């Protein structure tokens, strides 16, 4: 029996680009660790003279070849109702890829395993395309950038940094926590909007029933009596008649207006105007602003901690903040930093940050811990948003009660005043 150290042929990516070679190691896992220590992200690791990859820490991957079977092109899903890659799918992808890379599994085999175990067909298709790009010699970050509807700019930028530093496993763990934060924020907003949306929808339905069914019944009675009707009743009857005559046109106009607003929002000018207006809406505006600040702070801290330069971090974060008005201000902030301004002066000039954020930026610049303090800002505003969303129904309830009170008052005056007058007339006679 020979005691010679096994030799492995490998391919990978370094900061200088694609590379390959042969390495001596006790196992494929040890070989992957040695390569990452050299700043190389391993793509494939094969024992010399054997096409199979053995000795991996995950048993279900040992059956895979270095070049796994590709699904047929006809398996790809397309069309309007094709499945989409959900935020939960991205979180699972980042977490699992972190575990596989940390265990020493080469990136190609890790992607093959994730593709095989994925439940969502859209995830399978994306991973297949990413694997094809990697096999053709393209870096992982560039392969992910080709799917910009799935992987946002900050995801791609951090993966690029991970490739350059050889710490892809750490980057994917940070991305998992970032995606978890974003998903939690999104779910909190949806949960908080359920109650007011239901109440407003119920009021709209009630108005439709009153105008189309209730008031016309009373109108026929009042017309037969021939009595003089008070002003509230005449207003209700005119509103009801207008709804009956032109309700279809109002419905069409509402649908056309909705689609027109969506189309306008897709234009740069429309998106800018609407996003700026969202920040000044009563009740909801402060929640939107705090949510944007939490997202900015968390993304900025993540980019800085991962080694992204400040100018590039601001550029990437501007693309990920879901508000064009704030994104424009962040682009201006990046330009100011490039011209030599401090982060604090650039942030103050942007005029979108609260005094809390500016104070944290000032302390961070003095201590060299901007990323840590931005994390604290993100946690602070995430807590603020959570509290605001939990109390949103309490803040909206007075407005809804006033609207409902006005509706009931108009209905009561319009219906019962003439009934009262008719009863009084009948008693006199």
Protein backbone atom coordinates (compact mmCIF):
# COMPACT_ATOMS: atom_id res chain seq x y z
CA UNK A 1 0.00 0.00 0.00
CA UNK A 2 1.32 3.43 -0.92
CA UNK A 3 1.32 6.17 1.72
CA UNK A 4 1.73 8.99 -0.83
CA UNK A 5 -0.41 12.07 -0.25
CA UNK A 6 -3.34 12.15 -2.70
CA UNK A 7 -3.11 14.69 -5.51
CA UNK A 8 -6.12 16.63 -6.73
CA UNK A 9 -6.64 18.54 -9.94
CA UNK A 10 -8.61 21.71 -9.29
CA UNK A 11 -10.16 24.70 -11.03
CA UNK A 12 -11.15 27.92 -9.32
CA UNK A 13 -11.38 31.70 -9.31
CA UNK A 14 -8.87 34.09 -7.77
CA UNK A 15 -8.76 37.88 -7.76
CA UNK A 16 -6.74 37.69 -10.97
CA UNK A 17 -9.38 35.54 -12.72
CA UNK A 18 -9.89 31.86 -13.55
CA UNK A 19 -7.08 29.52 -12.56
CA UNK A 20 -6.32 25.80 -12.26
CA UNK A 21 -3.65 23.44 -10.99
CA UNK A 22 -2.81 20.37 -8.92
CA UNK A 23 -2.57 20.23 -5.13
CA UNK A 24 -1.57 17.61 -2.57
CA UNK A 25 -3.98 17.16 0.36
CA UNK A 26 -5.39 14.45 2.58
CA UNK A 27 -8.94 14.87 1.24
CA UNK A 28 -10.99 17.10 -1.08
CA UNK A 29 -12.12 19.07 2.00
CA UNK A 30 -8.52 19.72 3.01
CA UNK A 31 -7.70 20.68 -0.57
CA UNK A 32 -10.56 23.21 -0.57
CA UNK A 33 -9.32 24.68 2.72
CA UNK A 34 -5.80 25.05 1.32
CA UNK A 35 -7.09 26.78 -1.81
CA UNK A 36 -9.25 29.22 0.14
CA UNK A 37 -6.23 29.98 2.29
CA UNK A 38 -4.51 31.11 -0.91
CA UNK A 39 -7.46 33.39 -1.81
CA UNK A 40 -8.87 30.96 -4.41
CA UNK A 41 -12.53 29.97 -4.60
CA UNK A 42 -12.57 26.29 -5.71
CA UNK A 43 -14.96 25.34 -8.50
CA UNK A 44 -14.03 21.67 -8.99
CA UNK A 45 -11.68 19.31 -7.14
CA UNK A 46 -10.95 15.92 -8.75
CA UNK A 47 -8.55 13.17 -7.67
CA UNK A 48 -5.96 12.78 -10.40
CA UNK A 49 -6.74 9.75 -12.52
CA UNK A 50 -10.34 9.52 -11.30
CA UNK A 51 -13.25 11.53 -12.62
CA UNK A 52 -15.27 11.08 -9.42
CA UNK A 53 -15.06 13.41 -6.48
CA UNK A 54 -14.84 11.55 -3.18
CA UNK A 55 -14.44 12.25 0.51
CA UNK A 56 -16.87 15.16 0.79
CA UNK A 57 -18.44 15.96 4.15
CA UNK A 58 -21.95 15.56 2.72
CA UNK A 59 -22.78 12.02 1.72
CA UNK A 60 -25.54 12.91 -0.73
CA UNK A 61 -23.05 14.94 -2.76
CA UNK A 62 -20.53 12.14 -3.13
CA UNK A 63 -22.67 10.58 -5.83
CA UNK A 64 -22.43 13.67 -8.00
CA UNK A 65 -19.85 13.97 -10.73
CA UNK A 66 -17.78 17.11 -11.06
CA UNK A 67 -19.89 17.92 -14.10
CA UNK A 68 -23.45 16.96 -13.08
CA UNK A 69 -26.14 16.05 -15.58
CA UNK A 70 -27.93 19.09 -16.93
CA UNK A 71 -31.70 19.13 -17.13
CA UNK A 72 -33.11 19.31 -20.62
CA UNK A 73 -33.68 22.79 -22.01
CA UNK A 74 -37.37 21.93 -22.43
CA UNK A 75 -37.68 21.73 -18.64
CA UNK A 76 -37.33 25.49 -18.32
CA UNK A 77 -40.45 27.30 -17.21
CA UNK A 78 -41.63 30.46 -18.83
CA UNK A 79 -44.76 32.50 -19.27
CA UNK A 80 -46.91 34.85 -17.26
CA UNK A 81 -47.73 32.30 -14.57
CA UNK A 82 -44.24 30.83 -14.28
CA UNK A 83 -43.01 30.37 -10.68
CA UNK A 84 -40.84 33.16 -9.30
CA UNK A 85 -37.83 33.12 -7.00
CA UNK A 86 -39.21 34.27 -3.64
CA UNK A 87 -37.30 36.06 -0.87
CA UNK A 88 -37.51 32.88 1.21
CA UNK A 89 -35.82 30.96 -1.62
CA UNK A 90 -32.95 33.47 -1.66
CA UNK A 91 -32.56 33.20 2.12
CA UNK A 92 -32.41 29.41 1.90
CA UNK A 93 -29.94 29.60 -0.99
CA UNK A 94 -27.59 31.92 0.91
CA UNK A 95 -27.74 29.88 4.11
CA UNK A 96 -27.21 26.50 2.42
CA UNK A 97 -24.42 27.79 0.19
CA UNK A 98 -22.64 29.20 3.26
CA UNK A 99 -22.81 25.78 4.95
CA UNK A 100 -21.57 23.91 1.87
CA UNK A 101 -18.67 26.28 1.19
CA UNK A 102 -17.60 26.28 4.82
CA UNK A 103 -17.61 22.46 4.70
CA UNK A 104 -15.13 22.53 1.82
CA UNK A 105 -17.50 21.66 -1.04
CA UNK A 106 -16.42 23.26 -4.36
CA UNK A 107 -18.82 25.88 -5.63
CA UNK A 108 -19.91 23.96 -8.75
CA UNK A 109 -20.79 20.85 -6.77
CA UNK A 110 -22.49 22.95 -4.12
CA UNK A 111 -24.69 24.58 -6.77
CA UNK A 112 -25.41 21.18 -8.30
CA UNK A 113 -26.57 19.85 -4.94
CA UNK A 114 -28.74 22.91 -4.30
CA UNK A 115 -30.24 22.62 -7.78
CA UNK A 116 -31.06 18.96 -7.20
CA UNK A 117 -32.73 19.61 -3.83
CA UNK A 118 -34.56 22.84 -4.80
CA UNK A 119 -38.36 22.65 -4.62
CA UNK A 120 -39.11 25.82 -6.62
CA UNK A 121 -38.63 25.19 -10.38
CA UNK A 122 -37.55 28.83 -10.86
CA UNK A 123 -34.65 28.27 -8.46
CA UNK A 124 -33.60 25.17 -10.38
CA UNK A 125 -33.53 27.14 -13.65
CA UNK A 126 -31.51 30.01 -12.17
CA UNK A 127 -28.97 27.65 -10.59
CA UNK A 128 -28.64 25.78 -13.87
CA UNK A 129 -27.80 29.02 -15.72
CA UNK A 130 -25.35 30.07 -13.00
CA UNK A 131 -23.59 26.70 -13.24
CA UNK A 132 -23.35 26.99 -17.01
CA UNK A 133 -21.74 30.41 -16.64
CA UNK A 134 -19.25 29.11 -14.07
CA UNK A 135 -18.31 26.15 -16.28
CA UNK A 136 -17.61 28.55 -19.14
CA UNK A 137 -15.08 30.41 -16.97
CA UNK A 138 -17.20 33.34 -15.75
CA UNK A 139 -16.83 34.46 -12.13
CA UNK A 140 -19.70 33.73 -9.73
CA UNK A 141 -20.53 37.42 -9.22
CA UNK A 142 -20.83 37.98 -12.96
CA UNK A 143 -22.95 34.83 -13.31
CA UNK A 144 -25.32 36.13 -10.61
CA UNK A 145 -25.39 39.61 -12.18
CA UNK A 146 -26.94 38.08 -15.31
CA UNK A 147 -30.06 37.40 -13.21
CA UNK A 148 -30.65 40.93 -11.94
CA UNK A 149 -34.33 40.22 -11.22
CA UNK A 150 -33.27 37.63 -8.67
CA UNK A 151 -29.99 38.95 -7.25
CA UNK A 152 -29.96 42.66 -6.42
CA UNK A 153 -26.83 44.85 -6.77
CA UNK A 154 -25.77 44.49 -3.14
CA UNK A 155 -25.95 40.69 -3.40
CA UNK A 156 -23.72 40.73 -6.49
CA UNK A 157 -21.31 43.32 -5.04
CA UNK A 158 -20.75 41.37 -1.83
CA UNK A 159 -20.22 38.11 -3.72
CA UNK A 160 -17.60 39.94 -5.82
CA UNK A 161 -15.86 41.07 -2.64
CA UNK A 162 -16.03 37.51 -1.30
CA UNK A 163 -14.35 36.23 -4.45
CA UNK A 164 -11.57 38.80 -4.16
CA UNK A 165 -10.92 38.06 -0.48
CA UNK A 166 -11.51 34.30 -0.56
CA UNK A 167 -14.25 34.59 2.10
CA UNK A 168 -17.33 33.64 0.13
CA UNK A 169 -18.72 31.51 2.95
CA UNK A 170 -18.71 34.49 5.35
CA UNK A 171 -20.31 36.73 2.72
CA UNK A 172 -23.19 34.31 2.16
CA UNK A 173 -23.86 34.14 5.90
CA UNK A 174 -24.04 37.95 6.07
CA UNK A 175 -26.32 37.98 3.04
CA UNK A 176 -28.60 35.48 4.77
CA UNK A 177 -28.97 37.75 7.80
CA UNK A 178 -29.53 40.75 5.51
CA UNK A 179 -32.25 38.94 3.54
CA UNK A 180 -33.85 37.77 6.78
CA UNK A 181 -34.03 41.38 7.99
CA UNK A 182 -35.57 42.55 4.69
CA UNK A 183 -38.12 39.72 4.69
CA UNK A 184 -39.14 40.39 8.30
CA UNK A 185 -39.67 44.08 7.52
CA UNK A 186 -41.75 43.21 4.46
CA UNK A 187 -43.94 40.78 6.41
CA UNK A 188 -44.52 43.33 9.17
CA UNK A 189 -45.74 45.90 6.63
CA UNK A 190 -48.13 43.40 5.03
CA UNK A 191 -49.48 42.35 8.41
CA UNK A 192 -50.07 45.94 9.52
CA UNK A 193 -51.90 46.85 6.30
CA UNK A 194 -54.45 44.02 6.50
CA UNK A 195 -56.82 45.68 8.98
CA UNK A 196 -57.07 49.17 7.41
CA UNK A 197 -57.33 47.65 3.93
CA UNK A 198 -60.21 45.42 5.04
CA UNK A 199 -62.04 48.33 6.71
CA UNK A 200 -61.68 50.63 3.69
CA UNK A 201 -62.82 47.85 1.32
CA UNK A 202 -65.86 47.18 3.53
CA UNK A 203 -66.77 50.89 3.49
CA UNK A 204 -66.52 51.02 -0.30
CA UNK A 205 -68.79 47.97 -0.62
CA UNK A 206 -71.27 49.48 1.86
CA UNK A 207 -71.37 52.74 -0.13
CA UNK A 208 -72.06 50.79 -3.31
CA UNK A 209 -74.92 48.84 -1.73
CA UNK A 210 -76.45 52.00 -0.24
CA UNK A 211 -76.27 53.92 -3.53
CA UNK A 212 -77.50 51.09 -5.75
CA UNK A 213 -80.10 49.40 -3.57
CA UNK A 214 -81.10 51.27 -0.39
CA UNK A 215 -81.51 54.87 -1.55
CA UNK A 216 -83.46 54.02 -4.77
CA UNK A 217 -86.02 52.15 -2.61
CA UNK A 218 -86.54 55.20 -0.40
CA UNK A 219 -86.54 57.52 -3.44
CA UNK A 220 -89.61 55.79 -4.91
CA UNK A 221 -91.47 56.20 -1.59
CA UNK A 222 -90.57 59.89 -1.34
CA UNK A 223 -91.58 60.48 -4.97
CA UNK A 224 -94.98 58.87 -4.40
CA UNK A 225 -95.57 61.06 -1.33
CA UNK A 226 -94.80 64.20 -3.33
CA UNK A 227 -93.30 65.91 -0.29
CA UNK A 228 -90.63 68.59 -0.32
CA UNK A 229 -87.30 66.88 0.43
CA UNK A 230 -84.54 68.34 2.63
CA UNK A 231 -81.07 69.08 1.23
CA UNK A 232 -79.30 65.95 2.64
CA UNK A 233 -81.92 63.72 1.02
CA UNK A 234 -81.62 65.47 -2.34
CA UNK A 235 -77.80 65.06 -2.18
CA UNK A 236 -78.14 61.33 -1.43
CA UNK A 237 -80.66 60.81 -4.22
CA UNK A 238 -78.51 62.73 -6.74
CA UNK A 239 -75.44 60.71 -5.71
CA UNK A 240 -77.38 57.47 -6.04
CA UNK A 241 -78.78 58.39 -9.46
CA UNK A 242 -75.31 59.40 -10.67
CA UNK A 243 -73.90 56.07 -9.47
CA UNK A 244 -76.67 54.14 -11.24
CA UNK A 245 -76.25 56.10 -14.51
CA UNK A 246 -72.47 56.41 -14.57
CA UNK A 247 -71.22 53.68 -12.24
CA UNK A 248 -69.81 51.67 -15.14
CA UNK A 249 -67.87 54.72 -16.35
CA UNK A 250 -66.52 55.36 -12.84
CA UNK A 251 -65.41 51.72 -12.63
CA UNK A 252 -63.64 51.92 -15.99
CA UNK A 253 -62.05 55.25 -15.06
CA UNK A 254 -60.79 53.77 -11.78
CA UNK A 255 -59.23 50.77 -13.52
CA UNK A 256 -57.71 52.98 -16.23
CA UNK A 257 -56.39 55.38 -13.60
CA UNK A 258 -54.81 52.51 -11.65
CA UNK A 259 -53.01 51.13 -14.69
CA UNK A 260 -52.06 54.64 -15.79
CA UNK A 261 -50.56 55.36 -12.38
CA UNK A 262 -48.60 52.10 -12.52
CA UNK A 263 -47.32 52.95 -16.01
CA UNK A 264 -46.33 56.45 -14.89
CA UNK A 265 -44.54 55.00 -11.86
CA UNK A 266 -42.36 52.95 -14.23
CA UNK A 267 -41.04 56.17 -15.78
CA UNK A 268 -38.08 57.82 -14.03
CA UNK A 269 -39.95 61.08 -13.42
CA UNK A 270 -43.10 59.34 -12.20
CA UNK A 271 -41.19 57.04 -9.86
CA UNK A 272 -39.31 60.02 -8.42
CA UNK A 273 -42.48 62.06 -7.82
CA UNK A 274 -44.44 59.18 -6.25
CA UNK A 275 -41.56 58.06 -4.02
CA UNK A 276 -41.05 61.64 -2.80
CA UNK A 277 -44.78 61.96 -2.07
CA UNK A 278 -44.75 58.70 -0.07
CA UNK A 279 -42.30 60.22 2.41
CA UNK A 280 -44.74 63.06 3.20
CA UNK A 281 -47.98 61.07 3.47
CA UNK A 282 -49.85 61.44 6.77
CA UNK A 283 -49.28 58.49 9.17
CA UNK A 284 -47.64 56.26 6.52
CA UNK A 285 -44.93 58.75 5.55
CA UNK A 286 -42.96 58.49 8.79
CA UNK A 287 -43.12 54.69 8.65
CA UNK A 288 -41.82 54.66 5.06
CA UNK A 289 -38.98 57.04 5.99
CA UNK A 290 -37.93 54.98 9.02
CA UNK A 291 -38.08 51.75 7.01
CA UNK A 292 -35.89 53.30 4.30
CA UNK A 293 -33.37 54.49 6.90
CA UNK A 294 -33.26 51.03 8.50
CA UNK A 295 -32.71 49.42 5.09
CA UNK A 296 -30.01 51.95 4.15
CA UNK A 297 -28.16 51.54 7.45
CA UNK A 298 -28.24 47.73 7.34
CA UNK A 299 -27.12 47.57 3.69
CA UNK A 300 -24.40 50.20 4.18
CA UNK A 301 -23.06 48.41 7.27
CA UNK A 302 -23.09 45.07 5.46
CA UNK A 303 -21.17 46.48 2.49
CA UNK A 304 -18.55 48.23 4.65
CA UNK A 305 -18.04 45.20 6.88
CA UNK A 306 -17.50 43.02 3.82
CA UNK A 307 -14.72 45.28 2.53
CA UNK A 308 -16.56 47.33 -0.10
CA UNK A 309 -15.07 50.86 -0.48
CA UNK A 310 -17.30 53.67 0.81
CA UNK A 311 -17.96 55.19 -2.64
CA UNK A 312 -18.90 51.84 -4.13
CA UNK A 313 -20.96 50.94 -1.04
CA UNK A 314 -23.03 54.12 -1.43
CA UNK A 315 -23.54 53.40 -5.12
CA UNK A 316 -24.68 49.84 -4.42
CA UNK A 317 -26.96 50.84 -1.54
CA UNK A 318 -28.57 53.53 -3.72
CA UNK A 319 -29.62 50.80 -6.14
CA UNK A 320 -31.12 48.63 -3.41
CA UNK A 321 -33.10 51.29 -1.50
CA UNK A 322 -36.66 50.97 -2.75
CA UNK A 323 -37.22 54.70 -3.07
CA UNK A 324 -35.99 56.70 -6.04
CA UNK A 325 -36.03 60.00 -4.15
CA UNK A 326 -33.66 58.67 -1.48
CA UNK A 327 -31.60 56.85 -4.13
CA UNK A 328 -30.99 60.19 -5.91
CA UNK A 329 -29.84 61.76 -2.67
CA UNK A 330 -27.50 58.81 -1.98
CA UNK A 331 -26.00 59.21 -5.46
CA UNK A 332 -25.34 62.86 -4.63
CA UNK A 333 -23.82 61.79 -1.34
CA UNK A 334 -21.50 59.37 -3.18
CA UNK A 335 -20.40 62.17 -5.51
CA UNK A 336 -19.62 64.42 -2.53
CA UNK A 337 -17.51 61.70 -0.88
CA UNK A 338 -15.62 61.15 -4.15
CA UNK A 339 -14.84 64.88 -4.22
CA UNK A 340 -13.24 64.60 -0.77
CA UNK A 341 -16.09 65.51 1.59
CA UNK A 342 -16.49 63.56 4.82
CA UNK A 343 -19.37 61.11 5.13
CA UNK A 344 -20.99 63.39 7.72
CA UNK A 345 -20.96 66.49 5.50
CA UNK A 346 -22.20 64.49 2.52
CA UNK A 347 -24.99 62.94 4.61
CA UNK A 348 -26.04 66.33 6.01
CA UNK A 349 -26.15 67.78 2.48
CA UNK A 350 -28.36 64.90 1.31
CA UNK A 351 -31.14 66.17 3.63
CA UNK A 352 -32.82 62.78 4.06
CA UNK A 353 -31.22 61.62 7.31
CA UNK A 354 -32.47 62.26 10.82
CA UNK A 355 -30.24 63.82 13.51
CA UNK A 356 -29.81 60.35 15.04
CA UNK A 357 -28.25 59.00 11.85
CA UNK A 358 -26.02 62.05 11.43
CA UNK A 359 -24.81 61.79 15.02
CA UNK A 360 -23.99 58.10 14.56
CA UNK A 361 -22.12 58.85 11.32
CA UNK A 362 -20.09 61.55 13.08
CA UNK A 363 -19.09 59.20 15.91
CA UNK A 364 -18.38 56.40 13.43
CA UNK A 365 -16.02 58.57 11.40
CA UNK A 366 -14.15 59.64 14.52
CA UNK A 367 -13.76 56.08 15.82
CA UNK A 368 -13.41 54.27 12.48
CA UNK A 369 -16.44 52.10 13.28
CA UNK A 370 -19.02 53.39 10.80
CA UNK A 371 -20.21 49.84 10.03
CA UNK A 372 -20.88 49.02 13.70
CA UNK A 373 -22.76 52.24 14.34
CA UNK A 374 -24.79 51.82 11.15
CA UNK A 375 -25.79 48.40 12.43
CA UNK A 376 -27.01 50.08 15.62
CA UNK A 377 -28.96 52.62 13.56
CA UNK A 378 -30.54 49.78 11.57
CA UNK A 379 -31.55 48.00 14.77
CA UNK A 380 -32.96 51.22 16.26
CA UNK A 381 -35.09 52.09 13.24
CA UNK A 382 -36.15 48.48 12.73
CA UNK A 383 -37.54 48.56 16.28
CA UNK A 384 -39.18 51.93 15.55
CA UNK A 385 -40.81 50.56 12.40
CA UNK A 386 -42.01 47.47 14.26
CA UNK A 387 -43.59 49.64 16.94
CA UNK A 388 -45.16 52.02 14.40
CA UNK A 389 -46.62 49.09 12.46
CA UNK A 390 -48.01 47.48 15.61
CA UNK A 391 -49.74 50.74 16.53
CA UNK A 392 -50.74 51.61 12.95
CA UNK A 393 -54.30 50.39 13.42
CA UNK A 394 -54.60 52.57 16.55
CA UNK A 395 -53.37 55.59 14.58
CA UNK A 396 -55.73 54.95 11.66
CA UNK A 397 -58.76 54.03 13.75
CA UNK A 398 -59.75 57.66 14.56
CA UNK A 399 -59.65 58.55 10.85
CA UNK A 400 -61.73 55.50 9.93
CA UNK A 401 -64.21 56.20 12.74
CA UNK A 402 -64.65 59.81 11.59
CA UNK A 403 -65.22 58.65 7.99
CA UNK A 404 -67.71 56.02 9.13
CA UNK A 405 -69.45 58.58 11.38
CA UNK A 406 -69.85 61.05 8.50
CA UNK A 407 -71.24 58.27 6.30
CA UNK A 408 -73.78 57.20 8.92
CA UNK A 409 -74.74 60.82 9.66
CA UNK A 410 -75.38 61.59 5.97
CA UNK A 411 -77.41 58.42 5.59
CA UNK A 412 -79.42 59.13 8.74
CA UNK A 413 -80.16 62.75 7.79
CA UNK A 414 -80.98 61.89 4.20
CA UNK A 415 -83.32 59.01 5.02
CA UNK A 416 -84.93 59.84 8.35
CA UNK A 417 -85.50 63.60 7.96
CA UNK A 418 -88.07 63.19 5.17
CA UNK A 419 -89.62 60.20 7.00
CA UNK A 420 -89.95 62.41 10.06
CA UNK A 421 -91.50 65.20 7.97
CA UNK A 422 -93.98 62.78 6.35
CA UNK A 423 -94.93 61.42 9.79
CA UNK A 424 -95.44 64.92 11.16
CA UNK A 425 -97.63 65.89 8.18
CA UNK A 426 -99.76 62.75 8.55
CA UNK A 427 -100.32 63.42 12.28
CA UNK A 428 -101.48 66.99 11.56
CA UNK A 429 -104.07 65.72 9.10
